[in-house]
């Protein structure tokens, strides 16, 4: 299995349709933690819906338009990362993340994001990496800051979820702002 070590028994590896039951169980376990921030946490409710979600990303990966990865800690799925959008023609991608409460505070998302940015910029030639986050999600904003991203603005009332409209902050970094090899640190 291909994987990227994140340190202290953690690794980042592809999250694929055959792992739908594992994603469904994870989502059920931490749903209350995820639903304020992630639209997919509302729709992944069983193995079938988890498989559909993962298949969309398998199809995106086959088309070179997105990817999804899991974060495992001691062989337990505790979170994930994705390129929600990946546009090689425009040289722009959007990175996203989620993590179970018990796995927070270990630097897993920051480390995984650095590795993914290194690959996107250094290998795939992306010019821009975006991080969209709710203004209410302080831990996610802290990751964007640790990655050296710039807050470019806030999209007001940009989407509906959970019966209300939500804002999104746009954080981004440009290839020339990313030190080569920063993800290997």
N, C-alpha and C. Protein backbone atom coordinates (compact mmCIF):
# COMPACT_ATOMS: atom_id res chain seq x y z
N UNK A 1 0.84 -1.18 0.00
CA UNK A 1 0.00 0.00 0.00
C UNK A 1 0.89 1.24 0.00
N UNK A 2 0.54 2.19 -0.82
CA UNK A 2 1.27 3.45 -0.86
C UNK A 2 0.83 4.33 0.30
N UNK A 3 1.79 4.89 1.00
CA UNK A 3 1.44 5.78 2.11
C UNK A 3 2.57 6.77 2.33
N UNK A 4 2.23 7.83 3.04
CA UNK A 4 3.20 8.86 3.42
C UNK A 4 3.18 8.95 4.93
N UNK A 5 4.31 8.68 5.59
CA UNK A 5 4.32 8.78 7.06
C UNK A 5 4.16 10.23 7.51
N UNK A 6 3.39 10.40 8.58
CA UNK A 6 3.19 11.72 9.17
C UNK A 6 3.84 11.82 10.54
N UNK A 7 4.46 10.73 10.99
CA UNK A 7 5.13 10.71 12.29
C UNK A 7 4.25 10.12 13.38
N UNK A 8 4.88 9.54 14.39
CA UNK A 8 4.21 9.02 15.59
C UNK A 8 3.07 8.05 15.27
N UNK A 9 3.31 7.12 14.34
CA UNK A 9 2.32 6.11 14.03
C UNK A 9 1.20 6.56 13.12
N UNK A 10 1.33 7.74 12.54
CA UNK A 10 0.30 8.27 11.64
C UNK A 10 0.78 8.22 10.20
N UNK A 11 -0.17 8.04 9.29
CA UNK A 11 0.17 8.06 7.87
C UNK A 11 -1.00 8.58 7.05
N UNK A 12 -0.64 9.11 5.90
CA UNK A 12 -1.58 9.60 4.91
C UNK A 12 -1.56 8.61 3.76
N UNK A 13 -2.74 8.11 3.37
CA UNK A 13 -2.80 7.18 2.26
C UNK A 13 -4.13 7.33 1.53
N UNK A 14 -4.18 6.88 0.28
CA UNK A 14 -5.42 7.02 -0.49
C UNK A 14 -6.61 6.42 0.25
N UNK A 15 -7.74 7.09 0.12
CA UNK A 15 -9.01 6.60 0.67
C UNK A 15 -9.87 6.24 -0.54
N UNK A 16 -10.14 4.95 -0.70
CA UNK A 16 -10.72 4.44 -1.94
C UNK A 16 -12.09 3.81 -1.70
N UNK A 17 -12.88 3.62 -2.77
CA UNK A 17 -14.24 3.08 -2.62
C UNK A 17 -14.32 1.78 -1.82
N UNK A 18 -13.31 0.93 -1.91
CA UNK A 18 -13.36 -0.33 -1.16
C UNK A 18 -13.29 -0.11 0.36
N UNK A 19 -12.97 1.12 0.79
CA UNK A 19 -12.90 1.45 2.21
C UNK A 19 -14.16 2.17 2.69
N UNK A 20 -15.25 2.04 1.94
CA UNK A 20 -16.48 2.76 2.25
C UNK A 20 -17.02 2.44 3.64
N UNK A 21 -16.98 1.19 4.04
CA UNK A 21 -17.50 0.83 5.36
C UNK A 21 -16.70 1.52 6.46
N UNK A 22 -15.39 1.61 6.27
CA UNK A 22 -14.54 2.27 7.26
C UNK A 22 -14.86 3.76 7.34
N UNK A 23 -15.05 4.41 6.17
CA UNK A 23 -15.41 5.83 6.17
C UNK A 23 -16.79 6.04 6.79
N UNK A 24 -17.74 5.17 6.49
CA UNK A 24 -19.09 5.29 7.05
C UNK A 24 -19.05 5.18 8.57
N UNK A 25 -18.30 4.21 9.08
CA UNK A 25 -18.19 4.03 10.53
C UNK A 25 -17.51 5.23 11.18
N UNK A 26 -16.45 5.73 10.56
CA UNK A 26 -15.75 6.91 11.06
C UNK A 26 -16.71 8.11 11.11
N UNK A 27 -17.44 8.33 10.01
CA UNK A 27 -18.35 9.47 9.93
C UNK A 27 -19.44 9.37 10.98
N UNK A 28 -19.99 8.18 11.17
CA UNK A 28 -21.00 8.00 12.22
C UNK A 28 -20.43 8.35 13.59
N UNK A 29 -19.19 7.94 13.83
CA UNK A 29 -18.56 8.14 15.14
C UNK A 29 -18.32 9.62 15.44
N UNK A 30 -17.96 10.42 14.42
CA UNK A 30 -17.58 11.82 14.66
C UNK A 30 -18.50 12.81 13.94
N UNK A 31 -19.67 12.34 13.54
CA UNK A 31 -20.58 13.18 12.74
C UNK A 31 -20.85 14.54 13.39
N UNK A 32 -21.14 14.56 14.69
CA UNK A 32 -21.45 15.84 15.35
C UNK A 32 -20.30 16.82 15.25
N UNK A 33 -19.09 16.31 15.22
CA UNK A 33 -17.90 17.15 15.10
C UNK A 33 -17.72 17.68 13.67
N UNK A 34 -18.12 16.88 12.68
CA UNK A 34 -17.90 17.23 11.27
C UNK A 34 -19.00 18.08 10.65
N UNK A 35 -20.25 17.85 11.05
CA UNK A 35 -21.37 18.48 10.32
C UNK A 35 -21.40 20.00 10.34
N UNK A 36 -20.85 20.69 11.33
CA UNK A 36 -20.86 22.15 11.21
C UNK A 36 -19.99 22.67 10.06
N UNK A 37 -19.04 21.86 9.58
CA UNK A 37 -18.05 22.34 8.63
C UNK A 37 -18.11 21.69 7.26
N UNK A 38 -18.59 20.45 7.18
CA UNK A 38 -18.44 19.67 5.95
C UNK A 38 -19.77 19.21 5.38
N UNK A 39 -20.12 19.69 4.20
CA UNK A 39 -21.38 19.25 3.59
C UNK A 39 -21.47 17.73 3.42
N UNK A 40 -20.37 17.06 3.09
CA UNK A 40 -20.44 15.62 2.86
C UNK A 40 -20.76 14.84 4.13
N UNK A 41 -20.49 15.41 5.29
CA UNK A 41 -20.79 14.70 6.55
C UNK A 41 -22.29 14.58 6.77
N UNK A 42 -23.08 15.38 6.07
CA UNK A 42 -24.54 15.28 6.14
C UNK A 42 -25.05 14.15 5.24
N UNK A 43 -24.33 13.87 4.15
CA UNK A 43 -24.82 12.91 3.16
C UNK A 43 -24.18 11.53 3.26
N UNK A 44 -23.02 11.41 3.91
CA UNK A 44 -22.41 10.10 4.11
C UNK A 44 -23.02 9.51 5.38
N UNK A 45 -24.02 8.65 5.17
CA UNK A 45 -24.80 8.13 6.30
C UNK A 45 -24.73 6.62 6.44
N UNK A 46 -24.17 5.95 5.44
CA UNK A 46 -24.05 4.49 5.46
C UNK A 46 -22.99 4.08 4.46
N UNK A 47 -22.76 2.78 4.35
CA UNK A 47 -21.70 2.30 3.45
C UNK A 47 -21.97 2.68 2.01
N UNK A 48 -23.21 2.59 1.58
CA UNK A 48 -23.54 2.91 0.19
C UNK A 48 -23.25 4.38 -0.13
N UNK A 49 -23.65 5.29 0.74
CA UNK A 49 -23.39 6.72 0.48
C UNK A 49 -21.90 7.03 0.62
N UNK A 50 -21.21 6.34 1.51
CA UNK A 50 -19.76 6.53 1.62
C UNK A 50 -19.07 6.05 0.35
N UNK A 51 -19.54 4.92 -0.19
CA UNK A 51 -18.96 4.40 -1.43
C UNK A 51 -19.19 5.39 -2.58
N UNK A 52 -20.38 5.97 -2.65
CA UNK A 52 -20.67 6.95 -3.70
C UNK A 52 -19.76 8.17 -3.57
N UNK A 53 -19.56 8.66 -2.35
CA UNK A 53 -18.66 9.79 -2.11
C UNK A 53 -17.24 9.44 -2.56
N UNK A 54 -16.75 8.28 -2.14
CA UNK A 54 -15.39 7.88 -2.49
C UNK A 54 -15.27 7.60 -3.99
N UNK A 55 -16.32 7.08 -4.61
CA UNK A 55 -16.27 6.83 -6.05
C UNK A 55 -16.19 8.15 -6.83
N UNK A 56 -16.88 9.18 -6.34
CA UNK A 56 -16.77 10.50 -7.00
C UNK A 56 -15.32 10.96 -7.01
N UNK A 57 -14.61 10.73 -5.90
CA UNK A 57 -13.21 11.13 -5.84
C UNK A 57 -12.32 10.19 -6.65
N UNK A 58 -12.66 8.92 -6.73
CA UNK A 58 -11.91 8.01 -7.60
C UNK A 58 -12.06 8.46 -9.05
N UNK A 59 -13.26 8.86 -9.43
CA UNK A 59 -13.50 9.37 -10.78
C UNK A 59 -12.76 10.68 -11.01
N UNK A 60 -12.78 11.56 -10.00
CA UNK A 60 -12.02 12.82 -10.10
C UNK A 60 -10.53 12.54 -10.27
N UNK A 61 -10.02 11.59 -9.50
CA UNK A 61 -8.60 11.26 -9.61
C UNK A 61 -8.28 10.72 -11.00
N UNK A 62 -9.13 9.86 -11.53
CA UNK A 62 -8.92 9.31 -12.87
C UNK A 62 -8.91 10.42 -13.92
N UNK A 63 -9.68 11.48 -13.68
CA UNK A 63 -9.73 12.62 -14.60
C UNK A 63 -8.72 13.70 -14.24
N UNK A 64 -7.90 13.45 -13.20
CA UNK A 64 -6.91 14.41 -12.72
C UNK A 64 -7.55 15.72 -12.26
N UNK A 65 -8.69 15.58 -11.53
CA UNK A 65 -9.43 16.76 -11.09
C UNK A 65 -9.67 16.80 -9.59
N UNK A 66 -9.12 15.87 -8.84
CA UNK A 66 -9.30 15.84 -7.39
C UNK A 66 -8.79 14.53 -6.83
N UNK A 67 -8.65 14.46 -5.51
CA UNK A 67 -8.15 13.26 -4.84
C UNK A 67 -8.61 13.30 -3.40
N UNK A 68 -8.75 12.12 -2.80
CA UNK A 68 -9.09 12.06 -1.38
C UNK A 68 -8.15 11.06 -0.70
N UNK A 69 -7.72 11.43 0.51
CA UNK A 69 -6.80 10.62 1.30
C UNK A 69 -7.35 10.48 2.71
N UNK A 70 -7.00 9.40 3.36
CA UNK A 70 -7.33 9.22 4.76
C UNK A 70 -6.09 9.46 5.61
N UNK A 71 -6.32 9.87 6.84
CA UNK A 71 -5.26 9.96 7.84
C UNK A 71 -5.53 8.84 8.84
N UNK A 72 -4.58 7.94 8.95
CA UNK A 72 -4.69 6.82 9.90
C UNK A 72 -3.69 7.03 11.02
N UNK A 73 -4.11 6.77 12.23
CA UNK A 73 -3.25 6.82 13.40
C UNK A 73 -3.30 5.43 14.03
N UNK A 74 -2.17 4.77 14.07
CA UNK A 74 -2.10 3.39 14.58
C UNK A 74 -3.16 2.52 13.90
N UNK A 75 -3.26 2.65 12.59
CA UNK A 75 -4.15 1.87 11.73
C UNK A 75 -5.64 2.14 11.94
N UNK A 76 -6.00 3.24 12.58
CA UNK A 76 -7.40 3.64 12.72
C UNK A 76 -7.61 4.93 11.93
N UNK A 77 -8.66 4.95 11.10
CA UNK A 77 -9.00 6.14 10.34
C UNK A 77 -9.42 7.24 11.31
N UNK A 78 -8.68 8.36 11.31
CA UNK A 78 -8.99 9.46 12.23
C UNK A 78 -9.25 10.78 11.50
N UNK A 79 -9.11 10.77 10.17
CA UNK A 79 -9.34 12.01 9.44
C UNK A 79 -9.05 11.84 7.97
N UNK A 80 -9.00 12.95 7.30
CA UNK A 80 -8.72 12.89 5.88
C UNK A 80 -8.34 14.24 5.30
N UNK A 81 -7.87 14.15 4.09
CA UNK A 81 -7.44 15.33 3.32
C UNK A 81 -7.97 15.13 1.91
N UNK A 82 -8.22 16.22 1.22
CA UNK A 82 -8.60 16.08 -0.16
C UNK A 82 -8.19 17.29 -0.97
N UNK A 83 -8.02 17.03 -2.24
CA UNK A 83 -7.99 18.11 -3.22
C UNK A 83 -9.41 18.13 -3.76
N UNK A 84 -10.24 19.02 -3.24
CA UNK A 84 -11.64 19.10 -3.68
C UNK A 84 -11.70 19.49 -5.14
N UNK A 85 -10.85 20.42 -5.51
CA UNK A 85 -10.69 20.84 -6.90
C UNK A 85 -9.21 20.72 -7.24
N UNK A 86 -8.94 20.32 -8.47
CA UNK A 86 -7.55 20.18 -8.92
C UNK A 86 -7.57 20.45 -10.42
N UNK A 87 -7.17 21.66 -10.80
CA UNK A 87 -7.26 22.09 -12.19
C UNK A 87 -5.87 22.37 -12.73
N UNK A 88 -5.31 21.39 -13.42
CA UNK A 88 -3.94 21.55 -13.93
C UNK A 88 -3.87 22.60 -15.04
N UNK A 89 -4.95 22.78 -15.79
CA UNK A 89 -4.97 23.79 -16.84
C UNK A 89 -4.83 25.20 -16.28
N UNK A 90 -5.53 25.44 -15.19
CA UNK A 90 -5.47 26.76 -14.53
C UNK A 90 -4.33 26.83 -13.51
N UNK A 91 -3.79 25.68 -13.13
CA UNK A 91 -2.72 25.65 -12.13
C UNK A 91 -3.20 25.99 -10.74
N UNK A 92 -4.44 25.59 -10.43
CA UNK A 92 -5.03 25.94 -9.14
C UNK A 92 -5.71 24.72 -8.53
N UNK A 93 -5.62 24.61 -7.21
CA UNK A 93 -6.29 23.51 -6.51
C UNK A 93 -6.80 24.02 -5.17
N UNK A 94 -7.77 23.26 -4.63
CA UNK A 94 -8.31 23.57 -3.31
C UNK A 94 -8.07 22.38 -2.40
N UNK A 95 -7.45 22.64 -1.28
CA UNK A 95 -7.11 21.62 -0.29
C UNK A 95 -8.10 21.71 0.87
N UNK A 96 -8.53 20.54 1.37
CA UNK A 96 -9.43 20.51 2.51
C UNK A 96 -9.01 19.41 3.48
N UNK A 97 -9.55 19.47 4.69
CA UNK A 97 -9.13 18.52 5.73
C UNK A 97 -10.24 18.33 6.75
N UNK A 98 -10.17 17.20 7.46
CA UNK A 98 -11.03 16.94 8.61
C UNK A 98 -10.29 15.98 9.54
N UNK A 99 -10.62 16.04 10.82
CA UNK A 99 -9.90 15.24 11.80
C UNK A 99 -10.80 14.99 13.01
N UNK A 100 -10.75 13.77 13.52
CA UNK A 100 -11.50 13.42 14.73
C UNK A 100 -10.95 14.20 15.92
N UNK A 101 -11.80 14.55 16.87
CA UNK A 101 -11.34 15.33 18.02
C UNK A 101 -10.17 14.70 18.77
N UNK A 102 -10.18 13.38 18.93
CA UNK A 102 -9.12 12.73 19.71
C UNK A 102 -7.77 12.74 19.00
N UNK A 103 -7.75 13.05 17.71
CA UNK A 103 -6.48 13.09 16.97
C UNK A 103 -5.94 14.51 16.82
N UNK A 104 -6.68 15.50 17.28
CA UNK A 104 -6.24 16.88 17.14
C UNK A 104 -5.07 17.19 18.07
N UNK A 105 -4.33 18.22 17.72
CA UNK A 105 -3.22 18.68 18.56
C UNK A 105 -1.92 17.95 18.31
N UNK A 106 -1.85 17.11 17.29
CA UNK A 106 -0.64 16.36 16.97
C UNK A 106 0.06 16.88 15.72
N UNK A 107 -0.54 17.88 15.07
CA UNK A 107 0.03 18.43 13.85
C UNK A 107 -0.22 17.57 12.61
N UNK A 108 -1.16 16.63 12.70
CA UNK A 108 -1.40 15.72 11.58
C UNK A 108 -1.89 16.44 10.33
N UNK A 109 -2.86 17.34 10.48
CA UNK A 109 -3.39 18.04 9.31
C UNK A 109 -2.33 18.96 8.72
N UNK A 110 -1.62 19.68 9.55
CA UNK A 110 -0.58 20.58 9.04
C UNK A 110 0.50 19.80 8.30
N UNK A 111 0.94 18.70 8.87
CA UNK A 111 1.98 17.88 8.22
C UNK A 111 1.46 17.30 6.91
N UNK A 112 0.26 16.75 6.93
CA UNK A 112 -0.31 16.18 5.71
C UNK A 112 -0.50 17.26 4.65
N UNK A 113 -0.99 18.42 5.05
CA UNK A 113 -1.18 19.51 4.09
C UNK A 113 0.15 19.94 3.48
N UNK A 114 1.20 20.01 4.29
CA UNK A 114 2.52 20.37 3.74
C UNK A 114 2.97 19.37 2.68
N UNK A 115 2.77 18.09 2.95
CA UNK A 115 3.17 17.07 1.98
C UNK A 115 2.36 17.21 0.70
N UNK A 116 1.06 17.46 0.85
CA UNK A 116 0.20 17.58 -0.33
C UNK A 116 0.52 18.84 -1.13
N UNK A 117 0.81 19.93 -0.44
CA UNK A 117 1.18 21.16 -1.14
C UNK A 117 2.51 20.97 -1.86
N UNK A 118 3.46 20.33 -1.20
CA UNK A 118 4.75 20.04 -1.83
C UNK A 118 4.55 19.29 -3.15
N UNK A 119 3.68 18.28 -3.12
CA UNK A 119 3.40 17.49 -4.32
C UNK A 119 2.69 18.34 -5.38
N UNK A 120 1.67 19.09 -4.97
CA UNK A 120 0.89 19.89 -5.91
C UNK A 120 1.76 20.95 -6.60
N UNK A 121 2.59 21.63 -5.81
CA UNK A 121 3.43 22.70 -6.35
C UNK A 121 4.68 22.13 -7.01
N UNK A 122 5.39 21.25 -6.29
CA UNK A 122 6.68 20.78 -6.76
C UNK A 122 6.62 19.73 -7.86
N UNK A 123 5.62 18.85 -7.81
CA UNK A 123 5.54 17.77 -8.80
C UNK A 123 4.55 18.12 -9.90
N UNK A 124 3.38 18.62 -9.52
CA UNK A 124 2.32 18.86 -10.50
C UNK A 124 2.32 20.28 -11.06
N UNK A 125 3.14 21.16 -10.51
CA UNK A 125 3.28 22.50 -11.07
C UNK A 125 2.13 23.45 -10.78
N UNK A 126 1.40 23.21 -9.70
CA UNK A 126 0.31 24.13 -9.36
C UNK A 126 0.88 25.49 -8.99
N UNK A 127 0.18 26.53 -9.41
CA UNK A 127 0.58 27.91 -9.11
C UNK A 127 -0.09 28.45 -7.87
N UNK A 128 -1.25 27.86 -7.53
CA UNK A 128 -2.06 28.39 -6.44
C UNK A 128 -2.72 27.24 -5.69
N UNK A 129 -2.67 27.31 -4.35
CA UNK A 129 -3.34 26.34 -3.49
C UNK A 129 -4.28 27.12 -2.58
N UNK A 130 -5.56 26.76 -2.61
CA UNK A 130 -6.56 27.44 -1.80
C UNK A 130 -6.99 26.57 -0.63
N UNK A 131 -7.45 27.24 0.43
CA UNK A 131 -7.99 26.61 1.63
C UNK A 131 -9.23 27.42 1.98
N UNK A 132 -10.43 26.84 1.83
CA UNK A 132 -11.68 27.54 2.15
C UNK A 132 -12.15 27.07 3.52
N UNK A 133 -12.53 28.01 4.36
CA UNK A 133 -12.83 27.67 5.75
C UNK A 133 -13.90 28.60 6.30
N UNK A 134 -14.74 28.04 7.15
CA UNK A 134 -15.72 28.86 7.86
C UNK A 134 -14.99 29.83 8.78
N UNK A 135 -15.43 31.08 8.85
CA UNK A 135 -14.82 32.03 9.79
C UNK A 135 -14.95 31.57 11.25
N UNK A 136 -15.85 30.61 11.51
CA UNK A 136 -16.05 30.09 12.86
C UNK A 136 -15.15 28.91 13.20
N UNK A 137 -14.39 28.43 12.22
CA UNK A 137 -13.56 27.23 12.42
C UNK A 137 -12.11 27.63 12.75
N UNK A 138 -11.89 28.02 13.99
CA UNK A 138 -10.57 28.50 14.42
C UNK A 138 -9.44 27.49 14.20
N UNK A 139 -9.63 26.20 14.47
CA UNK A 139 -8.53 25.25 14.23
C UNK A 139 -8.11 25.19 12.76
N UNK A 140 -9.07 25.25 11.85
CA UNK A 140 -8.75 25.21 10.43
C UNK A 140 -8.05 26.50 9.97
N UNK A 141 -8.48 27.61 10.51
CA UNK A 141 -7.80 28.89 10.20
C UNK A 141 -6.37 28.85 10.71
N UNK A 142 -6.16 28.26 11.88
CA UNK A 142 -4.81 28.14 12.42
C UNK A 142 -3.92 27.31 11.50
N UNK A 143 -4.47 26.26 10.89
CA UNK A 143 -3.68 25.46 9.94
C UNK A 143 -3.29 26.33 8.75
N UNK A 144 -4.24 27.07 8.20
CA UNK A 144 -3.93 27.95 7.06
C UNK A 144 -2.80 28.91 7.40
N UNK A 145 -2.84 29.46 8.59
CA UNK A 145 -1.77 30.39 9.03
C UNK A 145 -0.44 29.66 9.15
N UNK A 146 -0.44 28.44 9.75
CA UNK A 146 0.81 27.68 9.88
C UNK A 146 1.40 27.32 8.52
N UNK A 147 0.54 27.16 7.54
CA UNK A 147 1.01 26.84 6.19
C UNK A 147 1.55 28.07 5.46
N UNK A 148 1.39 29.23 6.06
CA UNK A 148 1.89 30.46 5.43
C UNK A 148 0.93 31.04 4.41
N UNK A 149 -0.33 30.66 4.49
CA UNK A 149 -1.32 31.16 3.55
C UNK A 149 -1.74 32.59 3.90
N UNK A 150 -2.25 33.27 2.90
CA UNK A 150 -2.73 34.63 3.04
C UNK A 150 -4.26 34.62 3.03
N UNK A 151 -4.87 35.33 3.97
CA UNK A 151 -6.33 35.48 3.96
C UNK A 151 -6.66 36.51 2.90
N UNK A 152 -7.34 36.05 1.85
CA UNK A 152 -7.63 36.91 0.70
C UNK A 152 -9.00 37.57 0.79
N UNK A 153 -9.87 37.06 1.64
CA UNK A 153 -11.19 37.66 1.76
C UNK A 153 -12.21 36.65 2.25
N UNK A 154 -13.44 37.12 2.39
CA UNK A 154 -14.54 36.28 2.86
C UNK A 154 -15.67 36.33 1.84
N UNK A 155 -16.10 35.14 1.43
CA UNK A 155 -17.27 35.03 0.57
C UNK A 155 -18.48 34.96 1.50
N UNK A 156 -19.34 35.96 1.42
CA UNK A 156 -20.46 36.05 2.35
C UNK A 156 -21.65 35.25 1.83
N UNK A 157 -22.27 34.50 2.74
CA UNK A 157 -23.49 33.74 2.46
C UNK A 157 -23.36 32.94 1.16
N UNK A 158 -22.27 32.20 1.04
CA UNK A 158 -21.93 31.55 -0.23
C UNK A 158 -22.61 30.20 -0.44
N UNK A 159 -23.03 29.52 0.65
CA UNK A 159 -23.73 28.24 0.46
C UNK A 159 -24.63 27.95 1.65
N UNK A 160 -25.61 27.09 1.38
CA UNK A 160 -26.55 26.68 2.43
C UNK A 160 -26.16 25.30 2.93
N UNK A 161 -26.24 25.11 4.25
CA UNK A 161 -25.99 23.81 4.86
C UNK A 161 -26.62 23.84 6.25
N UNK A 162 -27.28 22.76 6.61
CA UNK A 162 -27.86 22.65 7.95
C UNK A 162 -28.91 23.71 8.23
N UNK A 163 -29.62 24.13 7.21
CA UNK A 163 -30.71 25.08 7.40
C UNK A 163 -30.31 26.53 7.53
N UNK A 164 -29.05 26.86 7.23
CA UNK A 164 -28.65 28.27 7.28
C UNK A 164 -27.59 28.56 6.22
N UNK A 165 -27.39 29.82 5.93
CA UNK A 165 -26.38 30.27 4.96
C UNK A 165 -25.03 30.40 5.68
N UNK A 166 -23.95 30.11 4.95
CA UNK A 166 -22.61 30.11 5.53
C UNK A 166 -21.67 30.99 4.73
N UNK A 167 -20.77 31.64 5.45
CA UNK A 167 -19.65 32.38 4.85
C UNK A 167 -18.47 31.44 4.73
N UNK A 168 -17.55 31.78 3.83
CA UNK A 168 -16.29 31.06 3.72
C UNK A 168 -15.15 32.06 3.56
N UNK A 169 -14.12 31.86 4.35
CA UNK A 169 -12.89 32.63 4.16
C UNK A 169 -12.06 31.92 3.09
N UNK A 170 -11.41 32.72 2.25
CA UNK A 170 -10.50 32.19 1.24
C UNK A 170 -9.08 32.49 1.71
N UNK A 171 -8.32 31.41 1.93
CA UNK A 171 -6.90 31.49 2.25
C UNK A 171 -6.17 30.86 1.08
N UNK A 172 -5.01 31.37 0.73
CA UNK A 172 -4.28 30.79 -0.41
C UNK A 172 -2.80 31.08 -0.29
N UNK A 173 -2.05 30.27 -1.02
CA UNK A 173 -0.63 30.55 -1.19
C UNK A 173 -0.30 30.32 -2.65
N UNK A 174 0.71 31.03 -3.09
CA UNK A 174 1.18 30.92 -4.46
C UNK A 174 2.46 30.11 -4.48
N UNK A 175 2.73 29.49 -5.60
CA UNK A 175 3.91 28.61 -5.72
C UNK A 175 5.18 29.32 -5.29
N UNK A 176 5.32 30.57 -5.68
CA UNK A 176 6.56 31.28 -5.33
C UNK A 176 6.68 31.59 -3.84
N UNK A 177 5.59 31.43 -3.10
CA UNK A 177 5.61 31.62 -1.66
C UNK A 177 5.91 30.33 -0.90
N UNK A 178 5.93 29.21 -1.62
CA UNK A 178 6.11 27.90 -0.99
C UNK A 178 7.56 27.48 -1.10
N UNK A 179 8.26 27.34 0.03
CA UNK A 179 9.66 26.91 -0.04
C UNK A 179 9.77 25.47 -0.55
N UNK A 180 10.61 25.24 -1.51
CA UNK A 180 10.80 23.88 -2.06
C UNK A 180 11.13 22.91 -0.94
N UNK A 181 10.43 21.79 -0.92
CA UNK A 181 10.69 20.77 0.10
C UNK A 181 10.09 21.05 1.45
N UNK A 182 9.24 22.08 1.58
CA UNK A 182 8.68 22.43 2.88
C UNK A 182 7.87 21.27 3.48
N UNK A 183 7.31 20.42 2.64
CA UNK A 183 6.49 19.32 3.13
C UNK A 183 7.30 18.17 3.70
N UNK A 184 8.61 18.20 3.53
CA UNK A 184 9.45 17.11 4.05
C UNK A 184 9.95 17.41 5.46
N UNK A 185 9.68 18.61 5.93
CA UNK A 185 10.19 19.01 7.26
C UNK A 185 9.52 18.25 8.36
